[in-house]
Amino acid sequence: MGFAVNLNKLCERAKDKAHIVVRKTAFELQGMMIDTSPVRTGRFRSNWAVGLGAINTSADAAPDKTGDSAKGRAQAALQGWKPGQTIYLSNSVPYALRLERGWSQQAPQGMVRLTVQRYGDALAEAVKGLK
């Protein structure tokens, strides 16, 4: 079965709770990017951001090696999501692209590319939690 068929089946299973699945999936994806981010000072890890309808370009979050602050902001931002809005998951520190392209030995395969490969897992996990 192809990805589109699986996606349609998952959406059908979610029915009227699709908005919950979208929020949970976006949060899971953002969490994966945060958790796989290389850490030296914590600046990069703490500056992952969620934008609703537009990219959030802020890059002034206080360093946090755990990533908990970024996850908290992501969860709060995603509560404001409305169906039809595009969700942007981004990191706007000046060296983000270099890190994604393997600049750090801690994350030589990047973060976004690896997370995108696990999109189906994140979506399935979000649907699995529905009753």
N, C-alpha and C. Protein backbone atom coordinates (compact mmCIF):
# COMPACT_ATOMS: atom_id res chain seq x y z
N MET A 1 0.83 -1.19 0.00
CA MET A 1 0.00 0.00 0.00
C MET A 1 0.87 1.24 0.00
N GLY A 2 0.41 2.25 -0.72
CA GLY A 2 1.16 3.49 -0.80
C GLY A 2 0.89 4.40 0.39
N PHE A 3 1.72 5.44 0.51
CA PHE A 3 1.59 6.39 1.61
C PHE A 3 0.24 7.07 1.60
N ALA A 4 -0.24 7.48 0.43
CA ALA A 4 -1.53 8.18 0.33
C ALA A 4 -2.68 7.30 0.80
N VAL A 5 -2.64 6.02 0.46
CA VAL A 5 -3.69 5.10 0.89
C VAL A 5 -3.66 4.96 2.40
N ASN A 6 -2.47 4.79 2.96
CA ASN A 6 -2.35 4.68 4.41
C ASN A 6 -2.82 5.96 5.10
N LEU A 7 -2.47 7.11 4.55
CA LEU A 7 -2.88 8.39 5.12
C LEU A 7 -4.40 8.50 5.10
N ASN A 8 -5.01 8.14 4.00
CA ASN A 8 -6.48 8.20 3.92
C ASN A 8 -7.12 7.28 4.94
N LYS A 9 -6.57 6.10 5.14
CA LYS A 9 -7.12 5.17 6.13
C LYS A 9 -6.99 5.73 7.54
N LEU A 10 -5.84 6.34 7.82
CA LEU A 10 -5.64 6.93 9.14
C LEU A 10 -6.61 8.09 9.38
N CYS A 11 -6.80 8.93 8.38
CA CYS A 11 -7.72 10.06 8.50
C CYS A 11 -9.16 9.57 8.68
N GLU A 12 -9.51 8.53 7.96
CA GLU A 12 -10.85 7.97 8.09
C GLU A 12 -11.07 7.43 9.50
N ARG A 13 -10.04 6.82 10.03
CA ARG A 13 -10.13 6.28 11.39
C ARG A 13 -10.27 7.40 12.42
N ALA A 14 -9.62 8.53 12.17
CA ALA A 14 -9.66 9.66 13.10
C ALA A 14 -11.01 10.37 13.07
N LYS A 15 -11.68 10.37 11.92
CA LYS A 15 -12.99 11.01 11.70
C LYS A 15 -13.02 12.42 12.25
N ASP A 16 -13.90 12.69 13.20
CA ASP A 16 -14.09 14.06 13.69
C ASP A 16 -12.96 14.52 14.61
N LYS A 17 -11.99 13.66 14.86
CA LYS A 17 -10.87 14.03 15.72
C LYS A 17 -9.62 14.34 14.90
N ALA A 18 -9.79 14.60 13.63
CA ALA A 18 -8.65 14.85 12.75
C ALA A 18 -7.82 16.04 13.23
N HIS A 19 -8.48 17.07 13.79
CA HIS A 19 -7.73 18.23 14.28
C HIS A 19 -6.79 17.83 15.42
N ILE A 20 -7.19 16.86 16.23
CA ILE A 20 -6.33 16.38 17.30
C ILE A 20 -5.12 15.65 16.71
N VAL A 21 -5.37 14.87 15.68
CA VAL A 21 -4.30 14.13 15.02
C VAL A 21 -3.28 15.09 14.42
N VAL A 22 -3.75 16.15 13.80
CA VAL A 22 -2.85 17.13 13.19
C VAL A 22 -1.97 17.76 14.26
N ARG A 23 -2.56 18.21 15.35
CA ARG A 23 -1.79 18.83 16.43
C ARG A 23 -0.78 17.86 17.03
N LYS A 24 -1.22 16.65 17.31
CA LYS A 24 -0.33 15.65 17.91
C LYS A 24 0.80 15.28 16.97
N THR A 25 0.49 15.16 15.69
CA THR A 25 1.52 14.81 14.72
C THR A 25 2.55 15.93 14.60
N ALA A 26 2.09 17.16 14.51
CA ALA A 26 3.01 18.30 14.42
C ALA A 26 3.88 18.38 15.67
N PHE A 27 3.29 18.17 16.84
CA PHE A 27 4.06 18.21 18.08
C PHE A 27 5.10 17.09 18.12
N GLU A 28 4.70 15.92 17.68
CA GLU A 28 5.63 14.78 17.65
C GLU A 28 6.80 15.06 16.69
N LEU A 29 6.50 15.61 15.52
CA LEU A 29 7.55 15.94 14.57
C LEU A 29 8.50 17.00 15.13
N GLN A 30 7.93 18.04 15.74
CA GLN A 30 8.77 19.08 16.33
C GLN A 30 9.64 18.49 17.43
N GLY A 31 9.06 17.61 18.24
CA GLY A 31 9.82 16.96 19.31
C GLY A 31 10.97 16.13 18.77
N MET A 32 10.74 15.44 17.65
CA MET A 32 11.82 14.65 17.05
C MET A 32 12.97 15.55 16.61
N MET A 33 12.63 16.69 16.01
CA MET A 33 13.67 17.61 15.56
C MET A 33 14.44 18.19 16.75
N ILE A 34 13.72 18.52 17.80
CA ILE A 34 14.37 19.05 19.00
C ILE A 34 15.29 17.99 19.60
N ASP A 35 14.77 16.79 19.77
CA ASP A 35 15.55 15.73 20.43
C ASP A 35 16.77 15.30 19.64
N THR A 36 16.73 15.40 18.33
CA THR A 36 17.89 14.99 17.52
C THR A 36 18.83 16.15 17.22
N SER A 37 18.53 17.33 17.74
CA SER A 37 19.39 18.50 17.52
C SER A 37 20.70 18.37 18.30
N PRO A 38 21.80 18.74 17.67
CA PRO A 38 23.06 18.73 18.39
C PRO A 38 23.06 19.80 19.48
N VAL A 39 23.80 19.54 20.53
CA VAL A 39 23.82 20.47 21.66
C VAL A 39 25.25 20.80 22.05
N ARG A 40 25.54 22.07 22.05
CA ARG A 40 26.78 22.55 22.65
C ARG A 40 26.39 23.54 23.74
N THR A 41 25.73 24.62 23.33
CA THR A 41 25.29 25.62 24.31
C THR A 41 23.79 25.49 24.62
N GLY A 42 23.04 24.84 23.74
CA GLY A 42 21.59 24.74 23.89
C GLY A 42 20.84 25.79 23.10
N ARG A 43 21.56 26.70 22.46
CA ARG A 43 20.89 27.76 21.70
C ARG A 43 20.10 27.20 20.52
N PHE A 44 20.72 26.33 19.75
CA PHE A 44 20.03 25.78 18.59
C PHE A 44 18.81 24.97 19.03
N ARG A 45 19.00 24.08 19.97
CA ARG A 45 17.91 23.22 20.43
C ARG A 45 16.74 24.04 20.96
N SER A 46 17.01 25.13 21.64
CA SER A 46 15.93 25.92 22.24
C SER A 46 15.21 26.83 21.24
N ASN A 47 15.74 26.98 20.04
CA ASN A 47 15.14 27.91 19.09
C ASN A 47 14.28 27.26 18.01
N TRP A 48 13.88 26.01 18.20
CA TRP A 48 12.87 25.43 17.31
C TRP A 48 11.56 26.16 17.59
N ALA A 49 10.82 26.45 16.55
CA ALA A 49 9.61 27.24 16.72
C ALA A 49 8.49 26.73 15.81
N VAL A 50 7.27 26.99 16.24
CA VAL A 50 6.08 26.68 15.45
C VAL A 50 5.49 27.99 14.96
N GLY A 51 5.16 28.02 13.67
CA GLY A 51 4.47 29.16 13.10
C GLY A 51 3.15 28.68 12.51
N LEU A 52 2.11 29.42 12.73
CA LEU A 52 0.79 29.08 12.18
C LEU A 52 0.45 30.08 11.10
N GLY A 53 0.42 29.61 9.86
CA GLY A 53 0.12 30.49 8.72
C GLY A 53 1.32 31.21 8.18
N ALA A 54 2.42 31.26 8.93
CA ALA A 54 3.66 31.91 8.49
C ALA A 54 4.81 31.33 9.30
N ILE A 55 5.99 31.40 8.75
CA ILE A 55 7.17 30.89 9.46
C ILE A 55 7.47 31.79 10.64
N ASN A 56 7.71 31.20 11.78
CA ASN A 56 8.13 31.92 12.97
C ASN A 56 9.64 32.08 12.87
N THR A 57 10.12 33.30 12.67
CA THR A 57 11.54 33.55 12.44
C THR A 57 12.27 33.98 13.71
N SER A 58 11.63 33.92 14.84
CA SER A 58 12.32 34.32 16.07
C SER A 58 13.46 33.35 16.35
N ALA A 59 14.54 33.89 16.88
CA ALA A 59 15.71 33.08 17.22
C ALA A 59 16.37 33.63 18.47
N ASP A 60 15.53 34.09 19.40
CA ASP A 60 16.07 34.73 20.59
C ASP A 60 15.72 34.01 21.89
N ALA A 61 15.37 32.73 21.79
CA ALA A 61 15.05 31.96 23.00
C ALA A 61 16.32 31.73 23.80
N ALA A 62 16.18 31.73 25.10
CA ALA A 62 17.32 31.47 25.97
C ALA A 62 17.81 30.05 25.76
N PRO A 63 19.11 29.84 25.78
CA PRO A 63 19.65 28.49 25.60
C PRO A 63 19.06 27.50 26.61
N ASP A 64 18.73 26.32 26.10
CA ASP A 64 18.16 25.26 26.92
C ASP A 64 18.62 23.93 26.34
N LYS A 65 19.56 23.29 26.98
CA LYS A 65 20.13 22.05 26.46
C LYS A 65 19.12 20.90 26.43
N THR A 66 18.07 20.96 27.23
CA THR A 66 17.08 19.88 27.27
C THR A 66 16.07 19.98 26.13
N GLY A 67 15.80 21.17 25.66
CA GLY A 67 14.78 21.37 24.63
C GLY A 67 13.38 21.49 25.20
N ASP A 68 13.24 21.39 26.51
CA ASP A 68 11.92 21.45 27.13
C ASP A 68 11.21 22.77 26.88
N SER A 69 11.96 23.87 26.87
CA SER A 69 11.33 25.17 26.64
C SER A 69 10.75 25.24 25.22
N ALA A 70 11.48 24.72 24.25
CA ALA A 70 10.99 24.73 22.86
C ALA A 70 9.76 23.83 22.73
N LYS A 71 9.76 22.69 23.41
CA LYS A 71 8.60 21.81 23.36
C LYS A 71 7.38 22.47 23.99
N GLY A 72 7.59 23.19 25.08
CA GLY A 72 6.48 23.89 25.73
C GLY A 72 5.90 24.96 24.83
N ARG A 73 6.76 25.72 24.17
CA ARG A 73 6.28 26.75 23.24
C ARG A 73 5.55 26.12 22.06
N ALA A 74 6.06 24.99 21.58
CA ALA A 74 5.41 24.30 20.46
C ALA A 74 4.01 23.85 20.85
N GLN A 75 3.90 23.25 22.01
CA GLN A 75 2.60 22.77 22.45
C GLN A 75 1.62 23.93 22.60
N ALA A 76 2.06 25.03 23.17
CA ALA A 76 1.19 26.20 23.33
C ALA A 76 0.78 26.77 21.97
N ALA A 77 1.72 26.88 21.05
CA ALA A 77 1.41 27.42 19.73
C ALA A 77 0.43 26.53 18.98
N LEU A 78 0.62 25.23 19.07
CA LEU A 78 -0.25 24.30 18.33
C LEU A 78 -1.68 24.28 18.87
N GLN A 79 -1.88 24.71 20.09
CA GLN A 79 -3.24 24.81 20.63
C GLN A 79 -4.04 25.86 19.86
N GLY A 80 -3.34 26.82 19.25
CA GLY A 80 -4.01 27.87 18.48
C GLY A 80 -4.26 27.51 17.03
N TRP A 81 -3.85 26.31 16.62
CA TRP A 81 -4.02 25.91 15.23
C TRP A 81 -5.49 25.71 14.88
N LYS A 82 -5.85 26.18 13.69
CA LYS A 82 -7.21 26.00 13.19
C LYS A 82 -7.13 25.25 11.87
N PRO A 83 -8.07 24.35 11.59
CA PRO A 83 -8.05 23.61 10.32
C PRO A 83 -7.92 24.57 9.14
N GLY A 84 -7.07 24.21 8.22
CA GLY A 84 -6.81 25.04 7.05
C GLY A 84 -5.55 25.86 7.17
N GLN A 85 -5.07 26.07 8.40
CA GLN A 85 -3.83 26.82 8.59
C GLN A 85 -2.64 25.91 8.32
N THR A 86 -1.62 26.47 7.70
CA THR A 86 -0.38 25.74 7.50
C THR A 86 0.44 25.83 8.77
N ILE A 87 1.02 24.71 9.17
CA ILE A 87 1.89 24.66 10.34
C ILE A 87 3.33 24.63 9.83
N TYR A 88 4.14 25.57 10.31
CA TYR A 88 5.55 25.62 9.95
C TYR A 88 6.37 25.27 11.18
N LEU A 89 7.27 24.30 11.03
CA LEU A 89 8.21 23.92 12.08
C LEU A 89 9.58 24.40 11.60
N SER A 90 10.20 25.29 12.35
CA SER A 90 11.44 25.90 11.84
C SER A 90 12.41 26.23 12.96
N ASN A 91 13.62 26.53 12.55
CA ASN A 91 14.66 27.01 13.45
C ASN A 91 15.42 28.08 12.67
N SER A 92 15.40 29.29 13.16
CA SER A 92 15.96 30.42 12.41
C SER A 92 17.30 30.93 12.92
N VAL A 93 18.01 30.14 13.72
CA VAL A 93 19.36 30.59 14.08
C VAL A 93 20.19 30.60 12.80
N PRO A 94 21.15 31.50 12.70
CA PRO A 94 21.90 31.66 11.44
C PRO A 94 22.60 30.40 10.94
N TYR A 95 22.96 29.49 11.80
CA TYR A 95 23.71 28.30 11.39
C TYR A 95 22.83 27.06 11.28
N ALA A 96 21.53 27.20 11.28
CA ALA A 96 20.61 26.06 11.22
C ALA A 96 20.81 25.22 9.96
N LEU A 97 20.93 25.85 8.83
CA LEU A 97 21.09 25.11 7.57
C LEU A 97 22.40 24.30 7.57
N ARG A 98 23.45 24.89 8.10
CA ARG A 98 24.72 24.15 8.19
C ARG A 98 24.57 22.91 9.05
N LEU A 99 23.86 23.04 10.17
CA LEU A 99 23.65 21.88 11.04
C LEU A 99 22.82 20.81 10.32
N GLU A 100 21.81 21.25 9.59
CA GLU A 100 20.98 20.30 8.85
C GLU A 100 21.80 19.55 7.80
N ARG A 101 22.79 20.20 7.27
CA ARG A 101 23.62 19.59 6.22
C ARG A 101 24.81 18.80 6.78
N GLY A 102 24.84 18.57 8.09
CA GLY A 102 25.85 17.70 8.66
C GLY A 102 27.06 18.37 9.27
N TRP A 103 26.97 19.65 9.57
CA TRP A 103 28.08 20.41 10.12
C TRP A 103 28.51 19.88 11.49
N SER A 104 27.59 19.31 12.25
CA SER A 104 27.89 18.79 13.59
C SER A 104 28.07 17.28 13.56
N GLN A 105 29.10 16.82 14.24
CA GLN A 105 29.30 15.37 14.35
C GLN A 105 28.21 14.71 15.19
N GLN A 106 27.51 15.50 16.01
CA GLN A 106 26.42 14.96 16.83
C GLN A 106 25.20 14.63 15.98
N ALA A 107 25.04 15.32 14.86
CA ALA A 107 23.88 15.10 13.98
C ALA A 107 24.33 15.16 12.53
N PRO A 108 25.18 14.23 12.10
CA PRO A 108 25.71 14.30 10.74
C PRO A 108 24.66 14.11 9.64
N GLN A 109 23.54 13.51 9.98
CA GLN A 109 22.47 13.31 9.00
C GLN A 109 21.40 14.41 9.09
N GLY A 110 21.64 15.41 9.91
CA GLY A 110 20.66 16.48 10.07
C GLY A 110 19.55 16.07 11.03
N MET A 111 18.56 16.90 11.14
CA MET A 111 17.42 16.64 12.01
C MET A 111 16.13 16.57 11.20
N VAL A 112 15.95 17.54 10.32
CA VAL A 112 14.71 17.63 9.55
C VAL A 112 14.57 16.44 8.60
N ARG A 113 15.64 16.13 7.88
CA ARG A 113 15.58 15.01 6.94
C ARG A 113 15.23 13.70 7.64
N LEU A 114 15.81 13.46 8.79
CA LEU A 114 15.51 12.23 9.52
C LEU A 114 14.08 12.23 10.04
N THR A 115 13.62 13.38 10.48
CA THR A 115 12.25 13.49 10.99
C THR A 115 11.23 13.28 9.88
N VAL A 116 11.47 13.85 8.73
CA VAL A 116 10.55 13.68 7.60
C VAL A 116 10.42 12.20 7.24
N GLN A 117 11.51 11.48 7.32
CA GLN A 117 11.46 10.04 7.04
C GLN A 117 10.59 9.29 8.03
N ARG A 118 10.39 9.85 9.21
CA ARG A 118 9.59 9.20 10.25
C ARG A 118 8.19 9.80 10.37
N TYR A 119 7.78 10.58 9.38
CA TYR A 119 6.48 11.24 9.40
C TYR A 119 5.35 10.22 9.59
N GLY A 120 5.39 9.13 8.86
CA GLY A 120 4.35 8.11 8.96
C GLY A 120 4.25 7.54 10.36
N ASP A 121 5.39 7.36 11.02
CA ASP A 121 5.39 6.86 12.40
C ASP A 121 4.71 7.85 13.34
N ALA A 122 5.02 9.14 13.16
CA ALA A 122 4.42 10.18 14.00
C ALA A 122 2.91 10.24 13.80
N LEU A 123 2.49 10.14 12.56
CA LEU A 123 1.06 10.17 12.25
C LEU A 123 0.34 8.94 12.83
N ALA A 124 0.94 7.78 12.68
CA ALA A 124 0.33 6.56 13.21
C ALA A 124 0.24 6.62 14.73
N GLU A 125 1.26 7.18 15.37
CA GLU A 125 1.25 7.31 16.84
C GLU A 125 0.13 8.25 17.29
N ALA A 126 -0.07 9.33 16.56
CA ALA A 126 -1.13 10.28 16.91
C ALA A 126 -2.51 9.64 16.78
N VAL A 127 -2.71 8.84 15.74
CA VAL A 127 -4.00 8.18 15.53
C VAL A 127 -4.21 7.08 16.56
N LYS A 128 -3.13 6.38 16.90
CA LYS A 128 -3.22 5.27 17.85
C LYS A 128 -3.77 5.73 19.20
N GLY A 129 -3.47 6.97 19.57
CA GLY A 129 -3.91 7.48 20.86
C GLY A 129 -5.40 7.85 20.91
N LEU A 130 -6.09 7.83 19.78
CA LEU A 130 -7.50 8.19 19.76
C LEU A 130 -8.37 7.05 20.24
N LYS A 131 -9.49 7.39 20.81
CA LYS A 131 -10.45 6.36 21.24
C LYS A 131 -11.76 6.57 20.55
